[in-house]
């Protein structure tokens, strides 16, 4: 459940989205995240550190550059939690579809009666 807490921050979520497309340098991540959130490069670095400490990202030094990538299995706990409840979704979506169909059927007689009244009124005025 640590992953949920880590992803609660919108900046960290955005960084994870960026890294889902492939590894990036800290500077490249900052160039994407800074304008979107109005934060400084040191603030981006703090978020990268939080992600690293949570085991969500891995970092590798290439000279003076730090290359970040998502850690394998970083969201296994999230996936397991979601999977636990995923079996309930089709059943609930089927129930929602049934209720929507009932609502459409219930409103059809009223809508057609309304259309008949409008056409009757047009004929009377003509």
N, C-alpha and C. Protein backbone atom coordinates (compact mmCIF):
# COMPACT_ATOMS: atom_id res chain seq x y z
N UNK A 1 0.81 -1.19 0.00
CA UNK A 1 0.00 0.00 0.00
C UNK A 1 0.86 1.26 0.00
N UNK A 2 2.15 1.12 0.18
CA UNK A 2 3.05 2.26 0.11
C UNK A 2 2.98 2.93 -1.25
N UNK A 3 2.74 2.14 -2.30
CA UNK A 3 2.66 2.71 -3.65
C UNK A 3 1.51 3.69 -3.78
N UNK A 4 0.36 3.40 -3.13
CA UNK A 4 -0.76 4.33 -3.18
C UNK A 4 -0.38 5.66 -2.54
N UNK A 5 0.30 5.60 -1.41
CA UNK A 5 0.72 6.82 -0.74
C UNK A 5 1.71 7.59 -1.61
N UNK A 6 2.60 6.88 -2.24
CA UNK A 6 3.58 7.51 -3.11
C UNK A 6 2.90 8.19 -4.29
N UNK A 7 1.90 7.55 -4.85
CA UNK A 7 1.20 8.09 -6.02
C UNK A 7 0.15 9.13 -5.67
N UNK A 8 -0.06 9.38 -4.40
CA UNK A 8 -1.05 10.38 -3.99
C UNK A 8 -0.64 11.78 -4.43
N UNK A 9 0.64 12.02 -4.58
CA UNK A 9 1.13 13.33 -4.99
C UNK A 9 1.06 13.46 -6.50
N UNK A 10 0.43 14.53 -7.03
CA UNK A 10 0.29 14.67 -8.48
C UNK A 10 1.61 14.82 -9.22
N UNK A 11 2.60 15.41 -8.60
CA UNK A 11 3.91 15.55 -9.26
C UNK A 11 4.54 14.17 -9.42
N UNK A 12 4.49 13.37 -8.38
CA UNK A 12 5.06 12.02 -8.47
C UNK A 12 4.29 11.17 -9.49
N UNK A 13 2.97 11.32 -9.53
CA UNK A 13 2.18 10.59 -10.53
C UNK A 13 2.63 10.97 -11.94
N UNK A 14 2.85 12.26 -12.17
CA UNK A 14 3.27 12.72 -13.49
C UNK A 14 4.65 12.17 -13.83
N UNK A 15 5.53 12.14 -12.87
CA UNK A 15 6.87 11.58 -13.11
C UNK A 15 6.76 10.11 -13.50
N UNK A 16 5.91 9.38 -12.81
CA UNK A 16 5.71 7.96 -13.13
C UNK A 16 5.16 7.83 -14.55
N UNK A 17 4.22 8.70 -14.93
CA UNK A 17 3.68 8.67 -16.29
C UNK A 17 4.79 8.91 -17.32
N UNK A 18 5.65 9.86 -17.03
CA UNK A 18 6.76 10.17 -17.94
C UNK A 18 7.69 8.97 -18.07
N UNK A 19 8.00 8.34 -16.94
CA UNK A 19 8.92 7.21 -16.96
C UNK A 19 8.28 5.94 -17.52
N UNK A 20 6.96 5.90 -17.59
CA UNK A 20 6.29 4.75 -18.19
C UNK A 20 6.62 4.66 -19.68
N UNK A 21 6.98 5.79 -20.28
CA UNK A 21 7.37 5.81 -21.69
C UNK A 21 8.83 5.43 -21.90
N UNK A 22 9.59 5.31 -20.83
CA UNK A 22 10.99 4.92 -20.94
C UNK A 22 11.86 5.74 -20.01
N UNK A 23 13.08 5.31 -19.85
CA UNK A 23 13.98 5.99 -18.92
C UNK A 23 14.30 7.39 -19.42
N UNK A 24 14.58 8.26 -18.46
CA UNK A 24 14.89 9.67 -18.76
C UNK A 24 15.88 10.20 -17.75
N UNK A 25 16.59 11.23 -18.15
CA UNK A 25 17.49 11.90 -17.22
C UNK A 25 16.67 12.79 -16.29
N UNK A 26 17.27 13.14 -15.16
CA UNK A 26 16.58 14.02 -14.21
C UNK A 26 16.25 15.35 -14.88
N UNK A 27 17.14 15.85 -15.71
CA UNK A 27 16.90 17.11 -16.41
C UNK A 27 15.72 17.03 -17.37
N UNK A 28 15.62 15.91 -18.09
CA UNK A 28 14.51 15.73 -19.03
C UNK A 28 13.18 15.61 -18.28
N UNK A 29 13.21 14.94 -17.15
CA UNK A 29 12.00 14.82 -16.32
C UNK A 29 11.61 16.21 -15.82
N UNK A 30 12.60 16.95 -15.34
CA UNK A 30 12.35 18.30 -14.85
C UNK A 30 11.78 19.20 -15.92
N UNK A 31 12.28 19.08 -17.15
CA UNK A 31 11.81 19.92 -18.26
C UNK A 31 10.33 19.67 -18.54
N UNK A 32 9.85 18.48 -18.26
CA UNK A 32 8.44 18.15 -18.48
C UNK A 32 7.60 18.57 -17.27
N UNK A 33 8.10 18.28 -16.08
CA UNK A 33 7.31 18.46 -14.86
C UNK A 33 7.32 19.90 -14.35
N UNK A 34 8.43 20.58 -14.45
CA UNK A 34 8.52 21.94 -13.91
C UNK A 34 7.46 22.89 -14.45
N UNK A 35 7.32 23.02 -15.78
CA UNK A 35 6.30 23.96 -16.27
C UNK A 35 4.87 23.55 -15.91
N UNK A 36 4.63 22.24 -15.87
CA UNK A 36 3.28 21.76 -15.60
C UNK A 36 2.84 22.07 -14.17
N UNK A 37 3.79 22.09 -13.23
CA UNK A 37 3.44 22.29 -11.83
C UNK A 37 4.02 23.56 -11.23
N UNK A 38 4.81 24.29 -12.02
CA UNK A 38 5.39 25.52 -11.52
C UNK A 38 6.35 25.30 -10.37
N UNK A 39 7.16 24.25 -10.47
CA UNK A 39 8.11 23.93 -9.40
C UNK A 39 9.54 24.03 -9.94
N UNK A 40 10.50 24.07 -9.03
CA UNK A 40 11.90 24.20 -9.40
C UNK A 40 12.53 22.82 -9.63
N UNK A 41 13.73 22.82 -10.22
CA UNK A 41 14.45 21.56 -10.41
C UNK A 41 14.77 20.90 -9.07
N UNK A 42 15.16 21.65 -8.03
CA UNK A 42 15.37 20.99 -6.73
C UNK A 42 14.09 20.31 -6.20
N UNK A 43 12.93 20.91 -6.48
CA UNK A 43 11.67 20.28 -6.05
C UNK A 43 11.43 18.99 -6.82
N UNK A 44 11.77 18.98 -8.11
CA UNK A 44 11.65 17.76 -8.91
C UNK A 44 12.60 16.71 -8.35
N UNK A 45 13.81 17.13 -8.01
CA UNK A 45 14.79 16.19 -7.44
C UNK A 45 14.28 15.59 -6.14
N UNK A 46 13.61 16.40 -5.32
CA UNK A 46 13.04 15.88 -4.07
C UNK A 46 11.98 14.81 -4.36
N UNK A 47 11.17 15.04 -5.38
CA UNK A 47 10.13 14.06 -5.74
C UNK A 47 10.77 12.78 -6.29
N UNK A 48 11.82 12.94 -7.08
CA UNK A 48 12.54 11.77 -7.59
C UNK A 48 13.15 10.97 -6.45
N UNK A 49 13.68 11.68 -5.46
CA UNK A 49 14.24 10.99 -4.28
C UNK A 49 13.16 10.22 -3.55
N UNK A 50 12.00 10.84 -3.37
CA UNK A 50 10.88 10.16 -2.69
C UNK A 50 10.47 8.90 -3.46
N UNK A 51 10.44 9.00 -4.78
CA UNK A 51 10.10 7.83 -5.59
C UNK A 51 11.17 6.75 -5.48
N UNK A 52 12.42 7.17 -5.45
CA UNK A 52 13.52 6.21 -5.32
C UNK A 52 13.48 5.52 -3.96
N UNK A 53 13.25 6.29 -2.90
CA UNK A 53 13.20 5.72 -1.55
C UNK A 53 12.00 4.78 -1.38
N UNK A 54 10.94 5.03 -2.12
CA UNK A 54 9.75 4.17 -2.06
C UNK A 54 9.91 2.93 -2.94
N UNK A 55 11.01 2.86 -3.70
CA UNK A 55 11.24 1.70 -4.56
C UNK A 55 10.47 1.74 -5.86
N UNK A 56 9.97 2.91 -6.23
CA UNK A 56 9.19 3.05 -7.47
C UNK A 56 10.11 3.26 -8.67
N UNK A 57 11.20 3.99 -8.47
CA UNK A 57 12.14 4.23 -9.56
C UNK A 57 13.53 3.75 -9.16
N UNK A 58 14.31 3.49 -10.19
CA UNK A 58 15.72 3.17 -10.02
C UNK A 58 16.51 4.26 -10.71
N UNK A 59 17.71 4.50 -10.23
CA UNK A 59 18.55 5.54 -10.83
C UNK A 59 19.91 4.96 -11.13
N UNK A 60 20.48 5.42 -12.24
CA UNK A 60 21.81 5.00 -12.64
C UNK A 60 22.59 6.24 -13.04
N UNK A 61 23.81 6.34 -12.53
CA UNK A 61 24.64 7.50 -12.86
C UNK A 61 25.36 7.25 -14.18
N UNK A 62 25.27 8.24 -15.07
CA UNK A 62 26.02 8.24 -16.33
C UNK A 62 26.79 9.55 -16.35
N UNK A 63 28.01 9.53 -15.85
CA UNK A 63 28.78 10.76 -15.73
C UNK A 63 28.07 11.68 -14.75
N UNK A 64 27.79 12.88 -15.17
CA UNK A 64 27.10 13.83 -14.29
C UNK A 64 25.58 13.72 -14.39
N UNK A 65 25.09 12.84 -15.26
CA UNK A 65 23.64 12.68 -15.43
C UNK A 65 23.12 11.52 -14.60
N UNK A 66 21.92 11.67 -14.12
CA UNK A 66 21.22 10.60 -13.41
C UNK A 66 20.07 10.15 -14.31
N UNK A 67 20.07 8.87 -14.64
CA UNK A 67 19.04 8.30 -15.51
C UNK A 67 18.07 7.52 -14.63
N UNK A 68 16.80 7.88 -14.76
CA UNK A 68 15.75 7.25 -13.95
C UNK A 68 14.90 6.33 -14.82
N UNK A 69 14.45 5.24 -14.21
CA UNK A 69 13.52 4.31 -14.86
C UNK A 69 12.60 3.75 -13.77
N UNK A 70 11.44 3.27 -14.20
CA UNK A 70 10.55 2.63 -13.25
C UNK A 70 11.18 1.33 -12.78
N UNK A 71 11.05 1.04 -11.52
CA UNK A 71 11.58 -0.20 -10.96
C UNK A 71 10.64 -1.36 -11.31
N UNK A 72 11.20 -2.48 -11.75
CA UNK A 72 10.35 -3.63 -12.04
C UNK A 72 9.58 -4.04 -10.78
N UNK A 73 8.31 -4.30 -10.95
CA UNK A 73 7.49 -4.75 -9.83
C UNK A 73 7.10 -3.67 -8.85
N UNK A 74 7.38 -2.42 -9.19
CA UNK A 74 7.12 -1.32 -8.26
C UNK A 74 5.66 -1.22 -7.88
N UNK A 75 4.77 -1.60 -8.78
CA UNK A 75 3.34 -1.45 -8.52
C UNK A 75 2.63 -2.79 -8.39
N UNK A 76 3.38 -3.83 -8.04
CA UNK A 76 2.75 -5.14 -7.85
C UNK A 76 1.69 -5.09 -6.77
N UNK A 77 1.94 -4.32 -5.70
CA UNK A 77 0.94 -4.23 -4.62
C UNK A 77 -0.32 -3.53 -5.10
N UNK A 78 -0.16 -2.52 -5.95
CA UNK A 78 -1.33 -1.82 -6.51
C UNK A 78 -2.10 -2.77 -7.43
N UNK A 79 -1.38 -3.48 -8.29
CA UNK A 79 -2.02 -4.41 -9.22
C UNK A 79 -2.77 -5.50 -8.47
N UNK A 80 -2.18 -6.02 -7.40
CA UNK A 80 -2.84 -7.06 -6.61
C UNK A 80 -4.11 -6.53 -5.95
N UNK A 81 -4.03 -5.31 -5.44
CA UNK A 81 -5.20 -4.71 -4.79
C UNK A 81 -6.32 -4.50 -5.80
N UNK A 82 -5.98 -3.96 -6.97
CA UNK A 82 -6.98 -3.71 -8.01
C UNK A 82 -7.57 -5.04 -8.49
N UNK A 83 -6.74 -6.04 -8.68
CA UNK A 83 -7.20 -7.34 -9.15
C UNK A 83 -8.20 -7.96 -8.18
N UNK A 84 -7.99 -7.72 -6.92
CA UNK A 84 -8.88 -8.27 -5.89
C UNK A 84 -10.31 -7.76 -6.09
N UNK A 85 -10.46 -6.53 -6.53
CA UNK A 85 -11.78 -5.94 -6.69
C UNK A 85 -12.27 -5.94 -8.14
N UNK A 86 -11.41 -6.26 -9.07
CA UNK A 86 -11.78 -6.23 -10.49
C UNK A 86 -12.90 -7.20 -10.81
N UNK A 87 -12.99 -8.30 -10.11
CA UNK A 87 -14.06 -9.28 -10.36
C UNK A 87 -15.44 -8.68 -10.08
N UNK A 88 -15.51 -7.67 -9.24
CA UNK A 88 -16.79 -7.05 -8.91
C UNK A 88 -17.26 -6.09 -10.00
N UNK A 89 -16.35 -5.58 -10.80
CA UNK A 89 -16.70 -4.54 -11.78
C UNK A 89 -17.69 -5.01 -12.83
N UNK A 90 -17.47 -6.16 -13.50
CA UNK A 90 -18.43 -6.55 -14.53
C UNK A 90 -19.85 -6.70 -13.97
N UNK A 91 -19.97 -7.27 -12.79
CA UNK A 91 -21.28 -7.45 -12.16
C UNK A 91 -21.94 -6.08 -11.92
N UNK A 92 -21.18 -5.15 -11.42
CA UNK A 92 -21.74 -3.82 -11.15
C UNK A 92 -22.02 -3.06 -12.43
N UNK A 93 -21.18 -3.22 -13.43
CA UNK A 93 -21.43 -2.56 -14.71
C UNK A 93 -22.68 -3.14 -15.38
N UNK A 94 -22.89 -4.45 -15.24
CA UNK A 94 -24.11 -5.07 -15.78
C UNK A 94 -25.33 -4.51 -15.08
N UNK A 95 -25.25 -4.34 -13.77
CA UNK A 95 -26.37 -3.78 -13.01
C UNK A 95 -26.63 -2.34 -13.44
N UNK A 96 -25.57 -1.58 -13.67
CA UNK A 96 -25.73 -0.20 -14.13
C UNK A 96 -26.40 -0.17 -15.49
N UNK A 97 -25.97 -1.04 -16.39
CA UNK A 97 -26.56 -1.11 -17.72
C UNK A 97 -28.06 -1.43 -17.64
N UNK A 98 -28.43 -2.34 -16.75
CA UNK A 98 -29.85 -2.69 -16.56
C UNK A 98 -30.63 -1.48 -16.08
N UNK A 99 -30.10 -0.75 -15.11
CA UNK A 99 -30.79 0.42 -14.58
C UNK A 99 -30.92 1.52 -15.63
N UNK A 100 -29.89 1.71 -16.43
CA UNK A 100 -29.96 2.71 -17.50
C UNK A 100 -31.02 2.33 -18.52
N UNK A 101 -31.10 1.05 -18.86
CA UNK A 101 -32.11 0.59 -19.81
C UNK A 101 -33.50 0.80 -19.23
N UNK A 102 -33.68 0.53 -17.94
CA UNK A 102 -34.98 0.76 -17.29
C UNK A 102 -35.34 2.24 -17.34
N UNK A 103 -34.37 3.09 -17.09
CA UNK A 103 -34.62 4.53 -17.13
C UNK A 103 -35.02 4.99 -18.52
N UNK A 104 -34.36 4.44 -19.55
CA UNK A 104 -34.72 4.80 -20.92
C UNK A 104 -36.14 4.34 -21.24
N UNK A 105 -36.48 3.12 -20.84
CA UNK A 105 -37.83 2.60 -21.11
C UNK A 105 -38.88 3.42 -20.37
N UNK A 106 -38.57 3.83 -19.15
CA UNK A 106 -39.53 4.60 -18.35
C UNK A 106 -39.74 5.99 -18.94
N UNK A 107 -38.70 6.56 -19.51
CA UNK A 107 -38.84 7.91 -20.07
C UNK A 107 -39.39 7.91 -21.48
N UNK A 108 -39.36 6.78 -22.18
CA UNK A 108 -39.87 6.72 -23.55
C UNK A 108 -41.36 7.04 -23.62
N UNK A 109 -42.23 6.44 -22.80
CA UNK A 109 -43.66 6.79 -22.89
C UNK A 109 -43.92 8.27 -22.61
N UNK A 110 -43.23 8.82 -21.66
CA UNK A 110 -43.41 10.24 -21.34
C UNK A 110 -42.93 11.11 -22.50
N UNK A 111 -41.82 10.74 -23.11
CA UNK A 111 -41.28 11.52 -24.23
C UNK A 111 -42.20 11.42 -25.44
N UNK A 112 -42.73 10.23 -25.70
CA UNK A 112 -43.61 10.10 -26.87
C UNK A 112 -44.94 10.79 -26.62
N UNK A 113 -45.42 10.77 -25.37
CA UNK A 113 -46.65 11.50 -25.04
C UNK A 113 -46.42 13.00 -25.20
N UNK A 114 -45.25 13.46 -24.82
CA UNK A 114 -44.91 14.88 -24.95
C UNK A 114 -44.86 15.27 -26.43
N UNK A 115 -44.27 14.39 -27.25
CA UNK A 115 -44.21 14.66 -28.69
C UNK A 115 -45.61 14.68 -29.30
N UNK A 116 -46.49 13.76 -28.85
CA UNK A 116 -47.86 13.74 -29.35
C UNK A 116 -48.59 15.03 -28.97
N UNK A 117 -48.41 15.50 -27.75
CA UNK A 117 -49.06 16.73 -27.28
C UNK A 117 -48.60 17.91 -28.12
N UNK A 118 -47.31 17.98 -28.41
CA UNK A 118 -46.77 19.08 -29.20
C UNK A 118 -47.32 19.04 -30.61
N UNK A 119 -47.40 17.85 -31.21
CA UNK A 119 -47.93 17.77 -32.57
C UNK A 119 -49.42 18.06 -32.60
N UNK A 120 -50.15 17.65 -31.55
CA UNK A 120 -51.59 17.98 -31.46
C UNK A 120 -51.78 19.49 -31.36
N UNK A 121 -50.94 20.14 -30.60
CA UNK A 121 -51.04 21.59 -30.43
C UNK A 121 -50.73 22.30 -31.75
N UNK A 122 -49.76 21.79 -32.50
CA UNK A 122 -49.43 22.38 -33.81
C UNK A 122 -50.60 22.22 -34.77
N UNK A 123 -51.23 21.05 -34.76
CA UNK A 123 -52.36 20.83 -35.66
C UNK A 123 -53.54 21.70 -35.29
N UNK A 124 -53.77 21.92 -34.01
CA UNK A 124 -54.88 22.75 -33.56
C UNK A 124 -54.68 24.20 -33.94
N UNK A 125 -53.43 24.66 -33.91
CA UNK A 125 -53.16 26.06 -34.23
C UNK A 125 -53.13 26.31 -35.74
N UNK A 126 -52.99 25.25 -36.53
CA UNK A 126 -52.92 25.41 -37.99
C UNK A 126 -54.25 25.54 -38.65
